[in-house]
């Protein structure tokens, strides 16, 4: 972080920084001259979404979930963030000494499930206020993403010179393309029944291990940048895939994870069917294509190839788990 940015932080929060240490690409540990410690987040999230995040916090602070939240510090003008000339968002909150969750530890895994479930229950009324204005159907999402995959294929075929990454991506898509189609078909059969039995909630949408902070005072859930209104199943699929990756796709650990969900009565009617379909969808392969061809992320081709190979492994791992636990491809009538 440059001198100008540091000065802006000091001016907007009326603090004097003694030391700052980068802990992630957009996150910093800050210690002030009077001995206070803070967590600084610098984000390119749209201002409108930041306002949505603050609206989330405002709601949750009035619920029992408040014990899992870290308060934002107010700026000198009474707000909770400020923007620089590049429209980057700066958020400051109290530093919490603690550790990230360890998804290899059953205790941590149970706590993570419990906290996400608590978030979903605490946000029911919040989600009801926004019903119909946020997340479309899973069918629509699947169709849109598959349409983008087809667009990518067309982009590649229209090139005069097809590159190495293009060839590898086409090869991967040819191996997994039927999964996109099957996911759409299966979701079409079940989604209406699922919606009749399940309610939309606020989901965190990024339940990575580092977003659960275990401290002496309790467990905190941080980084709501990707939060949205959806069904709880989406959060728990995302958490489940992270658990599998952390544990080298150990089927026994995943059975423990499903038991944690069952113990909390999270699994409702048609919920598990949708869970497996969401897991089956080649999300990671689509995401790499999106980042390379549409978003044009400034990463090296070597890094993209690494991500694509990782996406293949994740898809293969997900299908292995589905085959062993859920019996493979579903044939509902």
Protein backbone atom coordinates (compact mmCIF):
# COMPACT_ATOMS: atom_id res chain seq x y z
CA UNK A 1 0.00 0.00 0.00
CA UNK A 2 1.37 3.37 -1.04
CA UNK A 3 1.94 6.50 1.02
CA UNK A 4 -1.10 8.24 -0.48
CA UNK A 5 -3.42 5.35 0.43
CA UNK A 6 -2.04 5.23 3.97
CA UNK A 7 -2.63 8.94 4.36
CA UNK A 8 -6.23 8.53 3.18
CA UNK A 9 -6.82 5.79 5.78
CA UNK A 10 -5.35 7.96 8.52
CA UNK A 11 -7.40 10.99 7.52
CA UNK A 12 -10.70 9.15 7.10
CA UNK A 13 -10.45 7.17 10.34
CA UNK A 14 -8.55 9.76 12.38
CA UNK A 15 -5.76 7.35 13.26
CA UNK A 16 -1.97 7.43 13.03
CA UNK A 17 -0.49 4.24 11.59
CA UNK A 18 2.68 2.88 13.15
CA UNK A 19 2.83 -0.39 11.19
CA UNK A 20 0.93 -2.02 8.36
CA UNK A 21 1.37 -5.58 7.10
CA UNK A 22 -0.27 -7.13 4.03
CA UNK A 23 -1.93 -10.47 4.87
CA UNK A 24 -3.82 -11.04 1.60
CA UNK A 25 -3.88 -9.25 -1.75
CA UNK A 26 -6.56 -6.86 -0.48
CA UNK A 27 -6.28 -7.16 3.31
CA UNK A 28 -3.93 -5.65 5.87
CA UNK A 29 -3.06 -5.76 9.55
CA UNK A 30 -2.80 -2.22 10.93
CA UNK A 31 -1.28 -1.11 14.22
CA UNK A 32 -1.70 2.51 15.31
CA UNK A 33 0.68 4.68 17.30
CA UNK A 34 -1.63 4.44 20.32
CA UNK A 35 -1.38 0.64 20.29
CA UNK A 36 -4.73 -0.28 18.68
CA UNK A 37 -4.91 -3.05 16.09
CA UNK A 38 -7.22 -3.19 13.08
CA UNK A 39 -8.08 -5.22 10.01
CA UNK A 40 -8.18 -3.12 6.83
CA UNK A 41 -9.99 -4.38 3.72
CA UNK A 42 -9.49 -2.64 0.37
CA UNK A 43 -12.02 -3.82 -2.18
CA UNK A 44 -13.15 -3.09 -5.72
CA UNK A 45 -16.69 -4.20 -4.92
CA UNK A 46 -19.32 -1.80 -6.27
CA UNK A 47 -20.49 0.84 -3.82
CA UNK A 48 -24.03 -0.50 -4.19
CA UNK A 49 -22.93 -3.92 -3.02
CA UNK A 50 -21.04 -2.43 -0.09
CA UNK A 51 -24.26 -0.69 0.91
CA UNK A 52 -25.99 -4.06 0.63
CA UNK A 53 -23.35 -5.62 2.91
CA UNK A 54 -23.90 -2.87 5.46
CA UNK A 55 -27.64 -3.45 5.23
CA UNK A 56 -26.95 -7.12 5.99
CA UNK A 57 -24.91 -6.16 9.05
CA UNK A 58 -27.58 -3.75 10.22
CA UNK A 59 -30.13 -6.58 10.14
CA UNK A 60 -27.88 -9.22 11.70
CA UNK A 61 -26.77 -6.91 14.53
CA UNK A 62 -30.37 -7.04 15.75
CA UNK A 63 -30.40 -10.85 15.83
CA UNK A 64 -28.68 -13.54 17.86
CA UNK A 65 -26.08 -13.79 15.09
CA UNK A 66 -24.47 -10.52 16.25
CA UNK A 67 -22.01 -12.48 18.41
CA UNK A 68 -20.38 -13.82 15.21
CA UNK A 69 -19.85 -10.38 13.64
CA UNK A 70 -16.94 -7.97 13.92
CA UNK A 71 -18.05 -4.34 13.98
CA UNK A 72 -16.89 -1.89 11.34
CA UNK A 73 -15.14 1.26 12.55
CA UNK A 74 -16.83 4.55 11.69
CA UNK A 75 -15.09 7.14 9.53
CA UNK A 76 -14.80 10.77 10.64
CA UNK A 77 -17.99 11.61 8.70
CA UNK A 78 -19.96 8.87 10.48
CA UNK A 79 -19.96 6.32 7.67
CA UNK A 80 -18.57 2.81 7.66
CA UNK A 81 -16.31 3.11 4.61
CA UNK A 82 -14.77 5.58 2.21
CA UNK A 83 -13.90 5.55 -1.49
CA UNK A 84 -10.66 6.74 -3.08
CA UNK A 85 -10.39 8.40 -6.48
CA UNK A 86 -10.29 4.98 -8.15
CA UNK A 87 -13.55 4.00 -6.41
CA UNK A 88 -11.83 1.39 -4.27
CA UNK A 89 -13.69 0.77 -1.02
CA UNK A 90 -11.86 0.96 2.33
CA UNK A 91 -13.34 -0.81 5.37
CA UNK A 92 -11.74 -0.92 8.81
CA UNK A 93 -12.65 -3.18 11.72
CA UNK A 94 -11.17 -4.27 15.02
CA UNK A 95 -8.42 -6.90 14.77
CA UNK A 96 -9.35 -10.23 16.32
CA UNK A 97 -6.55 -12.50 17.50
CA UNK A 98 -7.45 -15.98 16.41
CA UNK A 99 -6.98 -18.72 13.84
CA UNK A 100 -8.72 -19.84 10.69
CA UNK A 101 -10.96 -22.91 10.69
CA UNK A 102 -9.33 -26.25 10.01
CA UNK A 103 -11.70 -28.37 7.92
CA UNK A 104 -9.65 -31.46 8.82
CA UNK A 105 -10.81 -30.98 12.40
CA UNK A 106 -14.30 -32.35 13.12
CA UNK A 107 -14.88 -29.77 15.87
CA UNK A 108 -14.12 -26.90 13.50
CA UNK A 109 -16.24 -28.47 10.79
CA UNK A 110 -19.24 -28.77 13.10
CA UNK A 111 -18.82 -25.15 14.22
CA UNK A 112 -18.60 -23.93 10.61
CA UNK A 113 -21.82 -25.78 9.73
CA UNK A 114 -23.52 -24.42 12.86
CA UNK A 115 -22.50 -20.83 12.13
CA UNK A 116 -23.66 -20.93 8.50
CA UNK A 117 -26.96 -22.47 9.61
CA UNK A 118 -27.31 -19.77 12.27
CA UNK A 119 -26.71 -17.10 9.60
CA UNK A 120 -29.42 -18.59 7.39
CA UNK A 121 -32.00 -18.73 10.20
CA UNK A 122 -31.17 -15.23 11.42
CA UNK A 123 -31.64 -13.80 7.92
CA UNK A 124 -35.02 -15.29 7.03
CA UNK A 125 -36.98 -12.06 7.47
CA UNK A 126 -34.26 -10.11 5.66
CA UNK A 127 -34.45 -12.47 2.69
CA UNK A 128 -38.25 -12.31 2.62
CA UNK A 129 -38.07 -8.52 2.19
CA UNK A 130 -35.97 -9.01 -0.93
CA UNK A 131 -37.81 -12.05 -2.30
CA UNK A 132 -37.91 -12.09 -6.08
CA UNK A 133 -35.35 -9.33 -6.53
CA UNK A 134 -32.13 -11.30 -6.39
CA UNK A 135 -31.29 -14.87 -7.34
CA UNK A 136 -32.88 -16.42 -10.44
CA UNK A 137 -33.63 -20.12 -10.70
CA UNK A 138 -30.77 -22.59 -10.78
CA UNK A 139 -31.95 -23.72 -14.20
CA UNK A 140 -31.52 -20.19 -15.53
CA UNK A 141 -28.07 -19.88 -13.97
CA UNK A 142 -26.98 -23.23 -15.43
CA UNK A 143 -28.30 -22.27 -18.87
CA UNK A 144 -26.53 -18.90 -18.79
CA UNK A 145 -23.22 -20.45 -17.78
CA UNK A 146 -23.51 -23.21 -20.37
CA UNK A 147 -24.32 -20.56 -22.99
CA UNK A 148 -21.09 -18.81 -22.06
CA UNK A 149 -19.18 -22.08 -22.50
CA UNK A 150 -20.66 -22.40 -26.00
CA UNK A 151 -19.68 -18.77 -26.73
CA UNK A 152 -16.13 -19.56 -25.63
CA UNK A 153 -16.00 -22.52 -28.01
CA UNK A 154 -17.15 -20.24 -30.85
CA UNK A 155 -14.54 -17.64 -29.92
CA UNK A 156 -11.81 -20.27 -30.10
CA UNK A 157 -13.00 -21.75 -33.41
CA UNK A 158 -13.10 -18.29 -35.00
CA UNK A 159 -9.44 -17.64 -34.22
CA UNK A 160 -6.91 -17.75 -37.06
CA UNK A 161 -4.38 -19.31 -34.71
CA UNK A 162 -5.63 -21.51 -31.89
CA UNK A 163 -3.26 -21.33 -28.92
CA UNK A 164 -2.14 -24.02 -26.51
CA UNK A 165 -4.56 -22.96 -23.76
CA UNK A 166 -7.40 -22.87 -26.33
CA UNK A 167 -6.68 -26.47 -27.31
CA UNK A 168 -6.52 -27.64 -23.72
CA UNK A 169 -9.75 -25.83 -22.82
CA UNK A 170 -11.59 -27.33 -25.80
CA UNK A 171 -10.36 -30.77 -24.79
CA UNK A 172 -11.58 -30.33 -21.22
CA UNK A 173 -14.98 -29.03 -22.35
CA UNK A 174 -15.42 -31.95 -24.78
CA UNK A 175 -14.89 -34.37 -21.86
CA UNK A 176 -17.30 -32.64 -19.48
CA UNK A 177 -19.83 -30.87 -21.71
CA UNK A 178 -22.52 -33.47 -21.13
CA UNK A 179 -22.42 -32.58 -17.42
CA UNK A 180 -23.65 -29.07 -18.20
CA UNK A 181 -26.58 -30.48 -20.17
CA UNK A 182 -27.40 -33.18 -17.60
CA UNK A 183 -27.32 -30.66 -14.74
CA UNK A 184 -29.85 -28.45 -16.53
CA UNK A 185 -32.07 -31.45 -17.29
CA UNK A 186 -31.98 -32.78 -13.72
CA UNK A 187 -32.58 -29.38 -12.14
CA UNK A 188 -35.58 -28.81 -14.42
CA UNK A 189 -37.17 -31.97 -12.99
CA UNK A 190 -36.70 -31.10 -9.33
CA UNK A 191 -36.42 -27.34 -8.83
CA UNK A 192 -40.11 -26.47 -8.59
CA UNK A 193 -40.67 -29.15 -5.94
CA UNK A 194 -37.58 -27.93 -4.06
CA UNK A 195 -38.83 -24.33 -4.02
CA UNK A 196 -42.16 -25.39 -2.52
CA UNK A 197 -40.39 -26.93 0.49
CA UNK A 198 -37.48 -24.50 1.06
CA UNK A 199 -37.10 -20.80 1.87
CA UNK A 200 -34.58 -18.30 0.59
CA UNK A 201 -32.09 -16.96 3.10
CA UNK A 202 -28.99 -14.83 3.11
CA UNK A 203 -26.00 -16.97 2.15
CA UNK A 204 -22.37 -16.07 2.77
CA UNK A 205 -21.36 -17.54 -0.60
CA UNK A 206 -17.65 -17.82 0.28
CA UNK A 207 -17.36 -20.19 3.28
CA UNK A 208 -13.59 -20.64 2.95
CA UNK A 209 -11.63 -21.73 6.03
CA UNK A 210 -10.05 -18.28 6.43
CA UNK A 211 -13.46 -16.62 6.73
CA UNK A 212 -14.16 -18.42 10.03
CA UNK A 213 -12.03 -16.89 12.79
CA UNK A 214 -11.73 -18.92 15.99
CA UNK A 215 -10.76 -16.78 18.99
CA UNK A 216 -10.92 -17.04 22.77
CA UNK A 217 -14.15 -15.02 22.73
CA UNK A 218 -15.93 -17.06 20.10
CA UNK A 219 -16.07 -17.77 16.36
CA UNK A 220 -16.50 -14.93 13.87
CA UNK A 221 -17.66 -15.02 10.26
CA UNK A 222 -15.96 -12.40 8.09
CA UNK A 223 -15.85 -11.13 4.50
CA UNK A 224 -19.40 -10.83 3.20
CA UNK A 225 -18.26 -9.51 -0.21
CA UNK A 226 -20.09 -12.28 -2.07
CA UNK A 227 -23.17 -12.49 0.16
CA UNK A 228 -26.50 -12.83 -1.61
CA UNK A 229 -30.06 -14.03 -1.18
CA UNK A 230 -30.41 -17.67 -2.22
CA UNK A 231 -31.15 -21.08 -0.70
CA UNK A 232 -29.01 -22.55 2.08
CA UNK A 233 -28.08 -25.51 -0.10
CA UNK A 234 -25.80 -23.25 -2.18
CA UNK A 235 -23.69 -22.32 0.87
CA UNK A 236 -23.42 -25.92 1.99
CA UNK A 237 -22.38 -27.20 -1.44
CA UNK A 238 -19.63 -24.57 -1.51
CA UNK A 239 -18.53 -25.54 2.00
CA UNK A 240 -18.70 -29.24 1.13
CA UNK A 241 -16.38 -28.86 -1.87
CA UNK A 242 -13.88 -26.96 0.29
CA UNK A 243 -14.03 -29.70 2.91
CA UNK A 244 -13.35 -32.33 0.25
CA UNK A 245 -10.40 -30.42 -1.22
CA UNK A 246 -8.88 -29.90 2.24
CA UNK A 247 -9.22 -33.60 3.04
CA UNK A 248 -7.97 -34.97 -0.30
CA UNK A 249 -11.44 -36.12 -1.31
CA UNK A 250 -11.79 -38.45 1.68
CA UNK A 251 -15.26 -39.97 1.43
CA UNK A 252 -15.38 -40.73 5.17
CA UNK A 253 -14.82 -37.08 6.07
CA UNK A 254 -17.61 -36.14 3.68
CA UNK A 255 -19.94 -38.59 5.37
CA UNK A 256 -19.16 -36.83 8.65
CA UNK A 257 -19.95 -33.51 6.94
CA UNK A 258 -23.34 -34.79 5.76
CA UNK A 259 -23.99 -36.09 9.29
CA UNK A 260 -23.30 -32.57 10.62
CA UNK A 261 -25.94 -31.22 8.22
CA UNK A 262 -28.41 -33.91 9.22
CA UNK A 263 -27.83 -33.30 12.95
CA UNK A 264 -28.83 -29.66 12.46
CA UNK A 265 -31.98 -30.65 10.50
CA UNK A 266 -30.67 -28.67 7.54
CA UNK A 267 -31.59 -31.32 4.98
CA UNK A 268 -35.21 -30.71 3.99
CA UNK A 269 -37.42 -32.32 1.36
CA UNK A 270 -35.75 -32.27 -2.09
CA UNK A 271 -32.80 -30.38 -0.51
CA UNK A 272 -30.29 -33.21 -0.90
CA UNK A 273 -31.23 -33.83 -4.54
CA UNK A 274 -30.52 -30.17 -5.35
CA UNK A 275 -27.29 -30.39 -3.32
CA UNK A 276 -25.99 -33.20 -5.54
CA UNK A 277 -26.99 -31.46 -8.77
CA UNK A 278 -25.25 -28.24 -7.75
CA UNK A 279 -22.18 -30.28 -6.91
CA UNK A 280 -22.36 -32.13 -10.25
CA UNK A 281 -22.44 -28.92 -12.30
CA UNK A 282 -18.90 -28.15 -13.68
CA UNK A 283 -18.72 -24.79 -11.92
CA UNK A 284 -14.94 -24.64 -11.67
CA UNK A 285 -14.39 -25.39 -15.39
CA UNK A 286 -16.88 -22.69 -16.38
CA UNK A 287 -15.20 -20.23 -14.00
CA UNK A 288 -11.74 -20.68 -15.53
CA UNK A 289 -13.19 -20.10 -18.99
CA UNK A 290 -15.00 -16.99 -17.79
CA UNK A 291 -11.82 -15.58 -16.22
CA UNK A 292 -9.70 -16.26 -19.32
CA UNK A 293 -12.01 -15.36 -22.20
CA UNK A 294 -14.49 -12.82 -20.80
CA UNK A 295 -12.94 -11.21 -17.73
CA UNK A 296 -9.44 -11.44 -19.23
CA UNK A 297 -7.79 -11.63 -15.84
CA UNK A 298 -4.13 -10.47 -15.99
CA UNK A 299 -2.67 -13.86 -15.09
CA UNK A 300 -0.03 -15.86 -16.95
CA UNK A 301 -1.02 -18.68 -19.26
CA UNK A 302 0.91 -21.02 -16.98
CA UNK A 303 -1.29 -19.96 -14.06
CA UNK A 304 -4.47 -20.40 -16.11
CA UNK A 305 -3.35 -23.88 -17.16
CA UNK A 306 -2.75 -24.73 -13.51
CA UNK A 307 -6.22 -23.49 -12.60
CA UNK A 308 -7.78 -25.47 -15.45
CA UNK A 309 -6.04 -28.68 -14.39
CA UNK A 310 -7.21 -28.00 -10.84
CA UNK A 311 -10.78 -27.53 -12.12
CA UNK A 312 -10.58 -30.91 -13.87
CA UNK A 313 -9.43 -32.58 -10.66
CA UNK A 314 -12.22 -30.94 -8.68
CA UNK A 315 -14.87 -32.08 -11.16
CA UNK A 316 -13.49 -35.64 -11.13
CA UNK A 317 -13.42 -35.59 -7.34
CA UNK A 318 -16.99 -34.31 -7.08
CA UNK A 319 -18.23 -37.00 -9.43
CA UNK A 320 -16.39 -39.69 -7.48
CA UNK A 321 -18.12 -38.58 -4.27
CA UNK A 322 -21.51 -38.41 -6.01
CA UNK A 323 -21.08 -41.90 -7.44
CA UNK A 324 -20.08 -43.42 -4.10
CA UNK A 325 -22.60 -41.66 -1.86
CA UNK A 326 -25.54 -40.67 -4.06
CA UNK A 327 -25.37 -43.53 -6.54
CA UNK A 328 -24.27 -41.54 -9.58
CA UNK A 329 -26.49 -39.82 -12.11
CA UNK A 330 -30.00 -39.31 -10.83
CA UNK A 331 -33.02 -40.62 -12.72
CA UNK A 332 -36.09 -38.91 -11.34
CA UNK A 333 -39.43 -39.35 -13.02
